[in-house]
PDB file of N, CA and C in Angstrom:
ATOM      1  N   MET A   1     -50.605  47.963 -42.495  1.00  0.00           N
ATOM      2  CA  MET A   1     -50.345  48.374 -43.878  1.00  0.00           C
ATOM      3  C   MET A   1     -48.868  48.736 -44.049  1.00  0.00           C
ATOM      4  N   MET A   2     -48.368  49.563 -43.156  1.00  0.00           N
ATOM      5  CA  MET A   2     -46.958  49.980 -43.255  1.00  0.00           C
ATOM      6  C   MET A   2     -46.037  48.775 -43.071  1.00  0.00           C
ATOM      7  N   GLN A   3     -46.441  47.834 -42.205  1.00  0.00           N
ATOM      8  CA  GLN A   3     -45.626  46.653 -41.942  1.00  0.00           C
ATOM      9  C   GLN A   3     -45.495  45.806 -43.208  1.00  0.00           C
ATOM     10  N   ASP A   4     -46.583  45.685 -43.970  1.00  0.00           N
ATOM     11  CA  ASP A   4     -46.538  44.885 -45.202  1.00  0.00           C
ATOM     12  C   ASP A   4     -45.550  45.502 -46.194  1.00  0.00           C
ATOM     13  N   LEU A   5     -45.550  46.816 -46.294  1.00  0.00           N
ATOM     14  CA  LEU A   5     -44.639  47.510 -47.208  1.00  0.00           C
ATOM     15  C   LEU A   5     -43.197  47.247 -46.791  1.00  0.00           C
ATOM     16  N   PHE A   6     -42.934  47.361 -45.490  1.00  0.00           N
ATOM     17  CA  PHE A   6     -41.583  47.125 -44.976  1.00  0.00           C
ATOM     18  C   PHE A   6     -41.139  45.690 -45.256  1.00  0.00           C
ATOM     19  N   LEU A   7     -42.054  44.735 -45.065  1.00  0.00           N
ATOM     20  CA  LEU A   7     -41.752  43.322 -45.308  1.00  0.00           C
ATOM     21  C   LEU A   7     -41.440  43.099 -46.789  1.00  0.00           C
ATOM     22  N   ALA A   8     -42.236  43.715 -47.662  1.00  0.00           N
ATOM     23  CA  ALA A   8     -42.012  43.563 -49.106  1.00  0.00           C
ATOM     24  C   ALA A   8     -40.642  44.113 -49.493  1.00  0.00           C
ATOM     25  N   ILE A   9     -40.270  45.267 -48.941  1.00  0.00           N
ATOM     26  CA  ILE A   9     -38.960  45.866 -49.248  1.00  0.00           C
ATOM     27  C   ILE A   9     -37.832  44.948 -48.758  1.00  0.00           C
ATOM     28  N   ALA A  10     -38.009  44.381 -47.566  1.00  0.00           N
ATOM     29  CA  ALA A  10     -36.987  43.492 -47.011  1.00  0.00           C
ATOM     30  C   ALA A  10     -36.808  42.257 -47.899  1.00  0.00           C
ATOM     31  N   ILE A  11     -37.929  41.680 -48.360  1.00  0.00           N
ATOM     32  CA  ILE A  11     -37.862  40.482 -49.216  1.00  0.00           C
ATOM     33  C   ILE A  11     -37.166  40.819 -50.532  1.00  0.00           C
ATOM     34  N   VAL A  12     -37.551  41.943 -51.146  1.00  0.00           N
ATOM     35  CA  VAL A  12     -36.932  42.343 -52.420  1.00  0.00           C
ATOM     36  C   VAL A  12     -35.428  42.553 -52.216  1.00  0.00           C
ATOM     37  N   GLY A  13     -35.057  43.193 -51.120  1.00  0.00           N
ATOM     38  CA  GLY A  13     -33.637  43.433 -50.841  1.00  0.00           C
ATOM     39  C   GLY A  13     -32.879  42.119 -50.703  1.00  0.00           C
ATOM     40  N   ASN A  14     -33.475  41.147 -50.018  1.00  0.00           N
ATOM     41  CA  ASN A  14     -32.821  39.841 -49.851  1.00  0.00           C
ATOM     42  C   ASN A  14     -32.661  39.149 -51.201  1.00  0.00           C
ATOM     43  N   VAL A  15     -33.688  39.203 -52.028  1.00  0.00           N
ATOM     44  CA  VAL A  15     -33.628  38.547 -53.342  1.00  0.00           C
ATOM     45  C   VAL A  15     -32.521  39.173 -54.193  1.00  0.00           C
ATOM     46  N   ILE A  16     -32.422  40.492 -54.178  1.00  0.00           N
ATOM     47  CA  ILE A  16     -31.383  41.182 -54.970  1.00  0.00           C
ATOM     48  C   ILE A  16     -30.000  40.799 -54.447  1.00  0.00           C
ATOM     49  N   THR A  17     -29.860  40.751 -53.119  1.00  0.00           N
ATOM     50  CA  THR A  17     -28.557  40.404 -52.531  1.00  0.00           C
ATOM     51  C   THR A  17     -28.154  38.984 -52.919  1.00  0.00           C
ATOM     52  N   ILE A  18     -29.084  38.038 -52.803  1.00  0.00           N
ATOM     53  CA  ILE A  18     -28.794  36.635 -53.148  1.00  0.00           C
ATOM     54  C   ILE A  18     -28.467  36.525 -54.637  1.00  0.00           C
ATOM     55  N   ALA A  19     -29.243  37.221 -55.478  1.00  0.00           N
ATOM     56  CA  ALA A  19     -28.998  37.172 -56.924  1.00  0.00           C
ATOM     57  C   ALA A  19     -27.598  37.707 -57.241  1.00  0.00           C
ATOM     58  N   ALA A  20     -27.201  38.789 -56.583  1.00  0.00           N
ATOM     59  CA  ALA A  20     -25.876  39.376 -56.822  1.00  0.00           C
ATOM     60  C   ALA A  20     -24.779  38.398 -56.382  1.00  0.00           C
ATOM     61  N   LEU A  21     -24.961  37.730 -55.247  1.00  0.00           N
ATOM     62  CA  LEU A  21     -23.963  36.770 -54.766  1.00  0.00           C
ATOM     63  C   LEU A  21     -23.841  35.598 -55.737  1.00  0.00           C
ATOM     64  N   VAL A  22     -24.986  35.067 -56.180  1.00  0.00           N
ATOM     65  CA  VAL A  22     -24.974  33.929 -57.113  1.00  0.00           C
ATOM     66  C   VAL A  22     -24.309  34.339 -58.423  1.00  0.00           C
ATOM     67  N   ARG A  23     -24.626  35.512 -58.922  1.00  0.00           N
ATOM     68  CA  ARG A  23     -24.047  35.979 -60.191  1.00  0.00           C
ATOM     69  C   ARG A  23     -22.529  36.128 -60.053  1.00  0.00           C
ATOM     70  N   GLY A  24     -22.073  36.708 -58.939  1.00  0.00           N
ATOM     71  CA  GLY A  24     -20.632  36.862 -58.728  1.00  0.00           C
ATOM     72  C   GLY A  24     -19.945  35.500 -58.622  1.00  0.00           C
ATOM     73  N   TYR A  25     -20.599  34.541 -57.973  1.00  0.00           N
ATOM     74  CA  TYR A  25     -20.029  33.197 -57.821  1.00  0.00           C
ATOM     75  C   TYR A  25     -19.861  32.533 -59.185  1.00  0.00           C
ATOM     76  N   TYR A  26     -20.889  32.638 -60.034  1.00  0.00           N
ATOM     77  CA  TYR A  26     -20.802  32.031 -61.363  1.00  0.00           C
ATOM     78  C   TYR A  26     -19.740  32.725 -62.208  1.00  0.00           C
ATOM     79  N   TRP A  27     -19.647  34.048 -62.113  1.00  0.00           N
ATOM     80  CA  TRP A  27     -18.629  34.804 -62.870  1.00  0.00           C
ATOM     81  C   TRP A  27     -17.239  34.327 -62.479  1.00  0.00           C
ATOM     82  N   GLN A  28     -17.038  34.146 -61.166  1.00  0.00           N
ATOM     83  CA  GLN A  28     -15.730  33.723 -60.666  1.00  0.00           C
ATOM     84  C   GLN A  28     -15.372  32.340 -61.213  1.00  0.00           C
ATOM     85  N   ARG A  29     -16.343  31.429 -61.200  1.00  0.00           N
ATOM     86  CA  ARG A  29     -16.080  30.065 -61.690  1.00  0.00           C
ATOM     87  C   ARG A  29     -15.780  30.077 -63.184  1.00  0.00           C
ATOM     88  N   GLN A  30     -16.478  30.905 -63.959  1.00  0.00           N
ATOM     89  CA  GLN A  30     -16.248  30.951 -65.404  1.00  0.00           C
ATOM     90  C   GLN A  30     -14.860  31.509 -65.708  1.00  0.00           C
ATOM     91  N   SER A  31     -14.445  32.545 -64.981  1.00  0.00           N
ATOM     92  CA  SER A  31     -13.146  33.159 -65.244  1.00  0.00           C
ATOM     93  C   SER A  31     -12.006  32.218 -64.824  1.00  0.00           C
ATOM     94  N   GLN A  32     -12.245  31.381 -63.821  1.00  0.00           N
ATOM     95  CA  GLN A  32     -11.209  30.427 -63.390  1.00  0.00           C
ATOM     96  C   GLN A  32     -10.938  29.395 -64.491  1.00  0.00           C
ATOM     97  N   ARG A  33     -12.002  28.987 -65.180  1.00  0.00           N
ATOM     98  CA  ARG A  33     -11.872  27.980 -66.232  1.00  0.00           C
ATOM     99  C   ARG A  33     -11.247  28.635 -67.462  1.00  0.00           C
TER     100      ARG A  33
END
């Protein structure tokens, strides 16, 4: 049970990190143009 919670937190953290990286990448490309 505790392992599932830890896994869910890890997945959510990865998704947030990837989303933040993608958003920053798009912002950078828009400002360059």
